[in-house]
Amino acid sequence: MQRLPGAIFRQDNARPHSARGSQDCLHTITTLPWPSRSPDLSPTEYIWDHLGRRVGHLTSLNELEARLQQIWNEMSQDIIQNL
């Protein structure tokens, strides 16, 4: 974060992000408090959930990449507009 002057870190207070080691690093930067597990405030969480529920069992990274791309391409505009 030191290489990004003026950057603001969005702190969601999820358990791994609120550990002492993580918190010690945050004393030198500006943080924006954010509720953890709040998909209404974080559209990317909703998208990851949507993708994750449709992926299924795959055996390789190539299969995963292809499947994620397929799901993304088939995502309806209704889903995107309701983020």
PDB file of N, CA and C in Angstrom:
ATOM      1  N   MET A   1       0.825  -1.193   0.000  1.00  0.00           N
ATOM      2  CA  MET A   1       0.000   0.000   0.000  1.00  0.00           C
ATOM      3  C   MET A   1       0.867   1.254   0.000  1.00  0.00           C
ATOM      4  N   GLN A   2       2.090   1.134   0.422  1.00  0.00           N
ATOM      5  CA  GLN A   2       2.952   2.306   0.442  1.00  0.00           C
ATOM      6  C   GLN A   2       3.248   2.794  -0.972  1.00  0.00           C
ATOM      7  N   ARG A   3       3.126   1.917  -1.966  1.00  0.00           N
ATOM      8  CA  ARG A   3       3.381   2.309  -3.346  1.00  0.00           C
ATOM      9  C   ARG A   3       2.177   2.974  -3.985  1.00  0.00           C
ATOM     10  N   LEU A   4       1.089   3.063  -3.273  1.00  0.00           N
ATOM     11  CA  LEU A   4      -0.129   3.666  -3.801  1.00  0.00           C
ATOM     12  C   LEU A   4      -0.514   4.874  -2.960  1.00  0.00           C
ATOM     13  N   PRO A   5       0.179   5.993  -3.147  1.00  0.00           N
ATOM     14  CA  PRO A   5      -0.140   7.161  -2.328  1.00  0.00           C
ATOM     15  C   PRO A   5      -1.586   7.596  -2.517  1.00  0.00           C
ATOM     16  N   GLY A   6      -2.242   7.885  -1.419  1.00  0.00           N
ATOM     17  CA  GLY A   6      -3.631   8.325  -1.466  1.00  0.00           C
ATOM     18  C   GLY A   6      -4.641   7.198  -1.549  1.00  0.00           C
ATOM     19  N   ALA A   7      -4.171   5.953  -1.607  1.00  0.00           N
ATOM     20  CA  ALA A   7      -5.090   4.816  -1.699  1.00  0.00           C
ATOM     21  C   ALA A   7      -5.849   4.648  -0.387  1.00  0.00           C
ATOM     22  N   ILE A   8      -7.070   4.160  -0.497  1.00  0.00           N
ATOM     23  CA  ILE A   8      -7.895   3.859   0.674  1.00  0.00           C
ATOM     24  C   ILE A   8      -8.203   2.372   0.639  1.00  0.00           C
ATOM     25  N   PHE A   9      -7.950   1.693   1.740  1.00  0.00           N
ATOM     26  CA  PHE A   9      -8.179   0.260   1.850  1.00  0.00           C
ATOM     27  C   PHE A   9      -9.561   0.020   2.424  1.00  0.00           C
ATOM     28  N   ARG A  10     -10.358  -0.798   1.747  1.00  0.00           N
ATOM     29  CA  ARG A  10     -11.702  -1.116   2.233  1.00  0.00           C
ATOM     30  C   ARG A  10     -11.594  -2.283   3.205  1.00  0.00           C
ATOM     31  N   GLN A  11     -11.760  -2.015   4.468  1.00  0.00           N
ATOM     32  CA  GLN A  11     -11.621  -3.019   5.520  1.00  0.00           C
ATOM     33  C   GLN A  11     -12.980  -3.623   5.827  1.00  0.00           C
ATOM     34  N   ASP A  12     -13.153  -4.906   5.462  1.00  0.00           N
ATOM     35  CA  ASP A  12     -14.453  -5.551   5.658  1.00  0.00           C
ATOM     36  C   ASP A  12     -14.563  -6.289   6.988  1.00  0.00           C
ATOM     37  N   ASN A  13     -13.509  -6.296   7.773  1.00  0.00           N
ATOM     38  CA  ASN A  13     -13.503  -6.930   9.097  1.00  0.00           C
ATOM     39  C   ASN A  13     -13.787  -8.422   9.073  1.00  0.00           C
ATOM     40  N   ALA A  14     -13.588  -9.065   7.928  1.00  0.00           N
ATOM     41  CA  ALA A  14     -13.678 -10.523   7.891  1.00  0.00           C
ATOM     42  C   ALA A  14     -12.585 -11.070   8.809  1.00  0.00           C
ATOM     43  N   ARG A  15     -12.796 -12.231   9.367  1.00  0.00           N
ATOM     44  CA  ARG A  15     -11.882 -12.776  10.369  1.00  0.00           C
ATOM     45  C   ARG A  15     -10.410 -12.763   9.924  1.00  0.00           C
ATOM     46  N   PRO A  16     -10.067 -13.224   8.706  1.00  0.00           N
ATOM     47  CA  PRO A  16      -8.643 -13.190   8.323  1.00  0.00           C
ATOM     48  C   PRO A  16      -8.091 -11.767   8.216  1.00  0.00           C
ATOM     49  N   HIS A  17      -8.957 -10.813   7.918  1.00  0.00           N
ATOM     50  CA  HIS A  17      -8.507  -9.434   7.737  1.00  0.00           C
ATOM     51  C   HIS A  17      -8.439  -8.663   9.048  1.00  0.00           C
ATOM     52  N   SER A  18      -8.968  -9.246  10.107  1.00  0.00           N
ATOM     53  CA  SER A  18      -8.945  -8.545  11.392  1.00  0.00           C
ATOM     54  C   SER A  18      -7.944  -9.170  12.363  1.00  0.00           C
ATOM     55  N   ALA A  19      -7.135 -10.096  11.871  1.00  0.00           N
ATOM     56  CA  ALA A  19      -6.089 -10.698  12.702  1.00  0.00           C
ATOM     57  C   ALA A  19      -5.059  -9.636  13.084  1.00  0.00           C
ATOM     58  N   ARG A  20      -4.360  -9.864  14.164  1.00  0.00           N
ATOM     59  CA  ARG A  20      -3.398  -8.878  14.666  1.00  0.00           C
ATOM     60  C   ARG A  20      -2.377  -8.481  13.598  1.00  0.00           C
ATOM     61  N   GLY A  21      -1.825  -9.441  12.870  1.00  0.00           N
ATOM     62  CA  GLY A  21      -0.838  -9.130  11.831  1.00  0.00           C
ATOM     63  C   GLY A  21      -1.408  -8.238  10.750  1.00  0.00           C
ATOM     64  N   SER A  22      -2.644  -8.508  10.365  1.00  0.00           N
ATOM     65  CA  SER A  22      -3.303  -7.673   9.356  1.00  0.00           C
ATOM     66  C   SER A  22      -3.558  -6.282   9.895  1.00  0.00           C
ATOM     67  N   GLN A  23      -4.035  -6.202  11.129  1.00  0.00           N
ATOM     68  CA  GLN A  23      -4.340  -4.909  11.733  1.00  0.00           C
ATOM     69  C   GLN A  23      -3.087  -4.053  11.910  1.00  0.00           C
ATOM     70  N   ASP A  24      -1.967  -4.700  12.244  1.00  0.00           N
ATOM     71  CA  ASP A  24      -0.717  -3.955  12.416  1.00  0.00           C
ATOM     72  C   ASP A  24      -0.311  -3.253  11.126  1.00  0.00           C
ATOM     73  N   CYS A  25      -0.587  -3.870   9.994  1.00  0.00           N
ATOM     74  CA  CYS A  25      -0.235  -3.275   8.702  1.00  0.00           C
ATOM     75  C   CYS A  25      -1.126  -2.091   8.355  1.00  0.00           C
ATOM     76  N   LEU A  26      -2.283  -2.013   8.956  1.00  0.00           N
ATOM     77  CA  LEU A  26      -3.250  -0.977   8.591  1.00  0.00           C
ATOM     78  C   LEU A  26      -3.040   0.350   9.313  1.00  0.00           C
ATOM     79  N   HIS A  27      -2.126   0.395  10.266  1.00  0.00           N
ATOM     80  CA  HIS A  27      -1.918   1.637  11.023  1.00  0.00           C
ATOM     81  C   HIS A  27      -1.347   2.757  10.167  1.00  0.00           C
ATOM     82  N   THR A  28      -0.705   2.417   9.064  1.00  0.00           N
ATOM     83  CA  THR A  28      -0.036   3.437   8.257  1.00  0.00           C
ATOM     84  C   THR A  28      -0.846   3.870   7.041  1.00  0.00           C
ATOM     85  N   ILE A  29      -2.043   3.325   6.868  1.00  0.00           N
ATOM     86  CA  ILE A  29      -2.845   3.680   5.692  1.00  0.00           C
ATOM     87  C   ILE A  29      -4.262   4.070   6.102  1.00  0.00           C
ATOM     88  N   THR A  30      -4.948   4.748   5.207  1.00  0.00           N
ATOM     89  CA  THR A  30      -6.336   5.136   5.446  1.00  0.00           C
ATOM     90  C   THR A  30      -7.235   3.939   5.165  1.00  0.00           C
ATOM     91  N   THR A  31      -8.136   3.640   6.086  1.00  0.00           N
ATOM     92  CA  THR A  31      -9.067   2.529   5.884  1.00  0.00           C
ATOM     93  C   THR A  31     -10.496   3.045   5.843  1.00  0.00           C
ATOM     94  N   LEU A  32     -11.315   2.347   5.089  1.00  0.00           N
ATOM     95  CA  LEU A  32     -12.738   2.640   4.996  1.00  0.00           C
ATOM     96  C   LEU A  32     -13.475   1.468   5.626  1.00  0.00           C
ATOM     97  N   PRO A  33     -14.116   1.655   6.769  1.00  0.00           N
ATOM     98  CA  PRO A  33     -14.829   0.548   7.411  1.00  0.00           C
ATOM     99  C   PRO A  33     -15.927   0.003   6.495  1.00  0.00           C
ATOM    100  N   TRP A  34     -16.116  -1.304   6.518  1.00  0.00           N
ATOM    101  CA  TRP A  34     -17.083  -1.953   5.642  1.00  0.00           C
ATOM    102  C   TRP A  34     -17.640  -3.169   6.360  1.00  0.00           C
ATOM    103  N   PRO A  35     -18.946  -3.361   6.381  1.00  0.00           N
ATOM    104  CA  PRO A  35     -19.499  -4.541   7.053  1.00  0.00           C
ATOM    105  C   PRO A  35     -19.054  -5.834   6.364  1.00  0.00           C
ATOM    106  N   SER A  36     -18.648  -6.823   7.141  1.00  0.00           N
ATOM    107  CA  SER A  36     -18.292  -8.101   6.535  1.00  0.00           C
ATOM    108  C   SER A  36     -19.561  -8.823   6.093  1.00  0.00           C
ATOM    109  N   ARG A  37     -19.430  -9.646   5.092  1.00  0.00           N
ATOM    110  CA  ARG A  37     -20.551 -10.432   4.550  1.00  0.00           C
ATOM    111  C   ARG A  37     -21.751  -9.561   4.215  1.00  0.00           C
ATOM    112  N   SER A  38     -21.509  -8.536   3.437  1.00  0.00           N
ATOM    113  CA  SER A  38     -22.569  -7.612   3.063  1.00  0.00           C
ATOM    114  C   SER A  38     -22.671  -7.540   1.539  1.00  0.00           C
ATOM    115  N   PRO A  39     -23.295  -8.548   0.897  1.00  0.00           N
ATOM    116  CA  PRO A  39     -23.339  -8.580  -0.563  1.00  0.00           C
ATOM    117  C   PRO A  39     -24.058  -7.388  -1.177  1.00  0.00           C
ATOM    118  N   ASP A  40     -24.974  -6.770  -0.438  1.00  0.00           N
ATOM    119  CA  ASP A  40     -25.652  -5.603  -0.988  1.00  0.00           C
ATOM    120  C   ASP A  40     -24.694  -4.427  -1.142  1.00  0.00           C
ATOM    121  N   LEU A  41     -23.596  -4.440  -0.399  1.00  0.00           N
ATOM    122  CA  LEU A  41     -22.596  -3.388  -0.517  1.00  0.00           C
ATOM    123  C   LEU A  41     -21.395  -3.824  -1.349  1.00  0.00           C
ATOM    124  N   SER A  42     -21.380  -5.059  -1.778  1.00  0.00           N
ATOM    125  CA  SER A  42     -20.255  -5.584  -2.543  1.00  0.00           C
ATOM    126  C   SER A  42     -20.767  -6.468  -3.677  1.00  0.00           C
ATOM    127  N   PRO A  43     -21.077  -5.870  -4.824  1.00  0.00           N
ATOM    128  CA  PRO A  43     -21.628  -6.645  -5.939  1.00  0.00           C
ATOM    129  C   PRO A  43     -20.728  -7.784  -6.395  1.00  0.00           C
ATOM    130  N   THR A  44     -19.424  -7.652  -6.204  1.00  0.00           N
ATOM    131  CA  THR A  44     -18.543  -8.736  -6.630  1.00  0.00           C
ATOM    132  C   THR A  44     -18.810 -10.007  -5.842  1.00  0.00           C
ATOM    133  N   GLU A  45     -19.205  -9.883  -4.573  1.00  0.00           N
ATOM    134  CA  GLU A  45     -19.537 -11.065  -3.779  1.00  0.00           C
ATOM    135  C   GLU A  45     -20.732 -11.800  -4.382  1.00  0.00           C
ATOM    136  N   TYR A  46     -21.703 -11.059  -4.852  1.00  0.00           N
ATOM    137  CA  TYR A  46     -22.875 -11.663  -5.477  1.00  0.00           C
ATOM    138  C   TYR A  46     -22.472 -12.404  -6.750  1.00  0.00           C
ATOM    139  N   ILE A  47     -21.615 -11.787  -7.551  1.00  0.00           N
ATOM    140  CA  ILE A  47     -21.161 -12.417  -8.799  1.00  0.00           C
ATOM    141  C   ILE A  47     -20.385 -13.691  -8.500  1.00  0.00           C
ATOM    142  N   TRP A  48     -19.450 -13.649  -7.525  1.00  0.00           N
ATOM    143  CA  TRP A  48     -18.692 -14.846  -7.176  1.00  0.00           C
ATOM    144  C   TRP A  48     -19.621 -15.960  -6.695  1.00  0.00           C
ATOM    145  N   ASP A  49     -20.652 -15.610  -5.938  1.00  0.00           N
ATOM    146  CA  ASP A  49     -21.617 -16.603  -5.487  1.00  0.00           C
ATOM    147  C   ASP A  49     -22.349 -17.209  -6.681  1.00  0.00           C
ATOM    148  N   HIS A  50     -22.770 -16.359  -7.600  1.00  0.00           N
ATOM    149  CA  HIS A  50     -23.471 -16.807  -8.806  1.00  0.00           C
ATOM    150  C   HIS A  50     -22.587 -17.769  -9.605  1.00  0.00           C
ATOM    151  N   LEU A  51     -21.326 -17.404  -9.804  1.00  0.00           N
ATOM    152  CA  LEU A  51     -20.404 -18.260 -10.549  1.00  0.00           C
ATOM    153  C   LEU A  51     -20.155 -19.566  -9.799  1.00  0.00           C
ATOM    154  N   GLY A  52     -19.895 -19.460  -8.499  1.00  0.00           N
ATOM    155  CA  GLY A  52     -19.562 -20.634  -7.699  1.00  0.00           C
ATOM    156  C   GLY A  52     -20.657 -21.681  -7.663  1.00  0.00           C
ATOM    157  N   ARG A  53     -21.913 -21.244  -7.642  1.00  0.00           N
ATOM    158  CA  ARG A  53     -23.021 -22.196  -7.598  1.00  0.00           C
ATOM    159  C   ARG A  53     -23.202 -22.929  -8.918  1.00  0.00           C
ATOM    160  N   ARG A  54     -22.619 -22.429  -9.991  1.00  0.00           N
ATOM    161  CA  ARG A  54     -22.815 -23.027 -11.305  1.00  0.00           C
ATOM    162  C   ARG A  54     -21.595 -23.763 -11.850  1.00  0.00           C
ATOM    163  N   VAL A  55     -20.486 -23.682 -11.167  1.00  0.00           N
ATOM    164  CA  VAL A  55     -19.248 -24.265 -11.689  1.00  0.00           C
ATOM    165  C   VAL A  55     -19.305 -25.786 -11.727  1.00  0.00           C
ATOM    166  N   GLY A  56     -19.709 -26.414 -10.641  1.00  0.00           N
ATOM    167  CA  GLY A  56     -19.726 -27.873 -10.589  1.00  0.00           C
ATOM    168  C   GLY A  56     -18.347 -28.434 -10.288  1.00  0.00           C
ATOM    169  N   HIS A  57     -18.201 -29.749 -10.431  1.00  0.00           N
ATOM    170  CA  HIS A  57     -16.933 -30.417 -10.128  1.00  0.00           C
ATOM    171  C   HIS A  57     -16.076 -30.469 -11.389  1.00  0.00           C
ATOM    172  N   LEU A  58     -14.901 -29.884 -11.324  1.00  0.00           N
ATOM    173  CA  LEU A  58     -13.978 -29.873 -12.454  1.00  0.00           C
ATOM    174  C   LEU A  58     -12.648 -30.450 -12.003  1.00  0.00           C
ATOM    175  N   THR A  59     -11.875 -30.942 -12.953  1.00  0.00           N
ATOM    176  CA  THR A  59     -10.630 -31.616 -12.581  1.00  0.00           C
ATOM    177  C   THR A  59      -9.366 -30.879 -12.988  1.00  0.00           C
ATOM    178  N   SER A  60      -9.496 -29.761 -13.692  1.00  0.00           N
ATOM    179  CA  SER A  60      -8.286 -29.042 -14.091  1.00  0.00           C
ATOM    180  C   SER A  60      -8.529 -27.539 -14.108  1.00  0.00           C
ATOM    181  N   LEU A  61      -7.450 -26.803 -14.056  1.00  0.00           N
ATOM    182  CA  LEU A  61      -7.525 -25.350 -14.108  1.00  0.00           C
ATOM    183  C   LEU A  61      -8.091 -24.890 -15.449  1.00  0.00           C
ATOM    184  N   ASN A  62      -7.731 -25.588 -16.525  1.00  0.00           N
ATOM    185  CA  ASN A  62      -8.263 -25.238 -17.849  1.00  0.00           C
ATOM    186  C   ASN A  62      -9.776 -25.409 -17.904  1.00  0.00           C
ATOM    187  N   GLU A  63     -10.272 -26.496 -17.312  1.00  0.00           N
ATOM    188  CA  GLU A  63     -11.721 -26.710 -17.257  1.00  0.00           C
ATOM    189  C   GLU A  63     -12.402 -25.602 -16.455  1.00  0.00           C
ATOM    190  N   LEU A  64     -11.791 -25.234 -15.337  1.00  0.00           N
ATOM    191  CA  LEU A  64     -12.350 -24.175 -14.498  1.00  0.00           C
ATOM    192  C   LEU A  64     -12.415 -22.861 -15.270  1.00  0.00           C
ATOM    193  N   GLU A  65     -11.332 -22.509 -15.925  1.00  0.00           N
ATOM    194  CA  GLU A  65     -11.304 -21.260 -16.688  1.00  0.00           C
ATOM    195  C   GLU A  65     -12.371 -21.261 -17.786  1.00  0.00           C
ATOM    196  N   ALA A  66     -12.474 -22.364 -18.517  1.00  0.00           N
ATOM    197  CA  ALA A  66     -13.466 -22.461 -19.594  1.00  0.00           C
ATOM    198  C   ALA A  66     -14.886 -22.384 -19.042  1.00  0.00           C
ATOM    199  N   ARG A  67     -15.132 -23.062 -17.919  1.00  0.00           N
ATOM    200  CA  ARG A  67     -16.473 -23.070 -17.331  1.00  0.00           C
ATOM    201  C   ARG A  67     -16.852 -21.692 -16.797  1.00  0.00           C
ATOM    202  N   LEU A  68     -15.923 -21.021 -16.132  1.00  0.00           N
ATOM    203  CA  LEU A  68     -16.200 -19.674 -15.633  1.00  0.00           C
ATOM    204  C   LEU A  68     -16.496 -18.719 -16.787  1.00  0.00           C
ATOM    205  N   GLN A  69     -15.739 -18.844 -17.873  1.00  0.00           N
ATOM    206  CA  GLN A  69     -15.976 -17.990 -19.037  1.00  0.00           C
ATOM    207  C   GLN A  69     -17.355 -18.266 -19.631  1.00  0.00           C
ATOM    208  N   GLN A  70     -17.737 -19.535 -19.697  1.00  0.00           N
ATOM    209  CA  GLN A  70     -19.050 -19.906 -20.226  1.00  0.00           C
ATOM    210  C   GLN A  70     -20.168 -19.321 -19.358  1.00  0.00           C
ATOM    211  N   ILE A  71     -20.048 -19.476 -18.049  1.00  0.00           N
ATOM    212  CA  ILE A  71     -21.066 -18.946 -17.135  1.00  0.00           C
ATOM    213  C   ILE A  71     -21.152 -17.432 -17.270  1.00  0.00           C
ATOM    214  N   TRP A  72     -19.996 -16.781 -17.330  1.00  0.00           N
ATOM    215  CA  TRP A  72     -19.957 -15.319 -17.469  1.00  0.00           C
ATOM    216  C   TRP A  72     -20.661 -14.884 -18.748  1.00  0.00           C
ATOM    217  N   ASN A  73     -20.358 -15.552 -19.854  1.00  0.00           N
ATOM    218  CA  ASN A  73     -20.953 -15.198 -21.148  1.00  0.00           C
ATOM    219  C   ASN A  73     -22.460 -15.421 -21.175  1.00  0.00           C
ATOM    220  N   GLU A  74     -22.940 -16.390 -20.409  1.00  0.00           N
ATOM    221  CA  GLU A  74     -24.368 -16.709 -20.386  1.00  0.00           C
ATOM    222  C   GLU A  74     -25.145 -15.919 -19.330  1.00  0.00           C
ATOM    223  N   MET A  75     -24.449 -15.111 -18.536  1.00  0.00           N
ATOM    224  CA  MET A  75     -25.110 -14.359 -17.470  1.00  0.00           C
ATOM    225  C   MET A  75     -26.101 -13.363 -18.074  1.00  0.00           C
ATOM    226  N   SER A  76     -27.315 -13.381 -17.563  1.00  0.00           N
ATOM    227  CA  SER A  76     -28.357 -12.515 -18.120  1.00  0.00           C
ATOM    228  C   SER A  76     -28.148 -11.060 -17.712  1.00  0.00           C
ATOM    229  N   GLN A  77     -28.653 -10.172 -18.525  1.00  0.00           N
ATOM    230  CA  GLN A  77     -28.577  -8.746 -18.223  1.00  0.00           C
ATOM    231  C   GLN A  77     -29.367  -8.410 -16.959  1.00  0.00           C
ATOM    232  N   ASP A  78     -30.410  -9.179 -16.661  1.00  0.00           N
ATOM    233  CA  ASP A  78     -31.174  -8.953 -15.428  1.00  0.00           C
ATOM    234  C   ASP A  78     -30.282  -9.094 -14.197  1.00  0.00           C
ATOM    235  N   ILE A  79     -29.445 -10.121 -14.191  1.00  0.00           N
ATOM    236  CA  ILE A  79     -28.539 -10.334 -13.061  1.00  0.00           C
ATOM    237  C   ILE A  79     -27.576  -9.162 -12.942  1.00  0.00           C
ATOM    238  N   ILE A  80     -27.004  -8.760 -14.058  1.00  0.00           N
ATOM    239  CA  ILE A  80     -26.028  -7.668 -14.053  1.00  0.00           C
ATOM    240  C   ILE A  80     -26.672  -6.358 -13.625  1.00  0.00           C
ATOM    241  N   GLN A  81     -27.849  -6.066 -14.127  1.00  0.00           N
ATOM    242  CA  GLN A  81     -28.515  -4.806 -13.806  1.00  0.00           C
ATOM    243  C   GLN A  81     -28.999  -4.747 -12.366  1.00  0.00           C
ATOM    244  N   ASN A  82     -29.197  -5.896 -11.744  1.00  0.00           N
ATOM    245  CA  ASN A  82     -29.682  -5.922 -10.361  1.00  0.00           C
ATOM    246  C   ASN A  82     -28.568  -5.982  -9.327  1.00  0.00           C
ATOM    247  N   LEU A  83     -27.344  -5.778  -9.746  1.00  0.00           N
ATOM    248  CA  LEU A  83     -26.231  -5.789  -8.789  1.00  0.00           C
ATOM    249  C   LEU A  83     -26.322  -4.607  -7.863  1.00  0.00           C
TER     250      LEU A  83
END
